Amino acid sequence: MAKALSLLLLLLFISASFQASYCLESVKGRPQELRSFKIQEHQEAGSGRGCSYTVKIKTSCSSKRITRDAISLAFGDAYSNEVYAPRLDDPSSGTFESCSTDTFKIQGPCGYGICYLYLRRDGRDGWTPEWVQVYEPHVSRALTFYYGSPIPNGIWYGFNNCPRVSQSATTDGLVSSI
């Protein structure tokens, strides 16, 4: 009995340590359509720069049981460091089933504070995400982007909380937020 209690306390400590090691933050606002979003051209993989991101996506329980929609993801920071993951979906593996949470390891350029995230759905099933969580390497922070509604077909849909650059700041070579 004492051994079981000790093991339980150890597991609780490890769980609390893991949760404490990552600061969980929610991104404010509602997702928006972005028809003009263009994926950036990336440097070749052998450039020596790169980070591994953990991305968790929770599919809404109101979504269809399975989806055949093509689901893509793009996120980045205010300094043009963008991570792009085309076609995360795989209907044969059960990815994006209703009420499920899927975890992906995605390689991309190291960023300096994720401030935007977009999903794209192409298909007829009408997949609905509940939330997307991105764990940023090296800063012990996880950002959660809440959706909760179907993603429109054929466009990028998500959040952009990056600071905007003022016109006078760009002419002076400085960056400031409005």
Foldseek 3Di string as FASTA:
>chain_A
DVVVVVVVVVVVVVVVVLCVLAAEAEDDDAKDFDFPDDDDDADDPPPPFKDKKKKKWFWALPAAQFDPKWKKKKWAAPVPFMFTGGRPDDRVVSPLGHGDMDMDIGMGGQHDDIFWMWMAIADDRQTGIQWMWMQHPPPRYIYIFGHRHTDDHPTIMTGGRYFDADPVCVVVVHGDGD
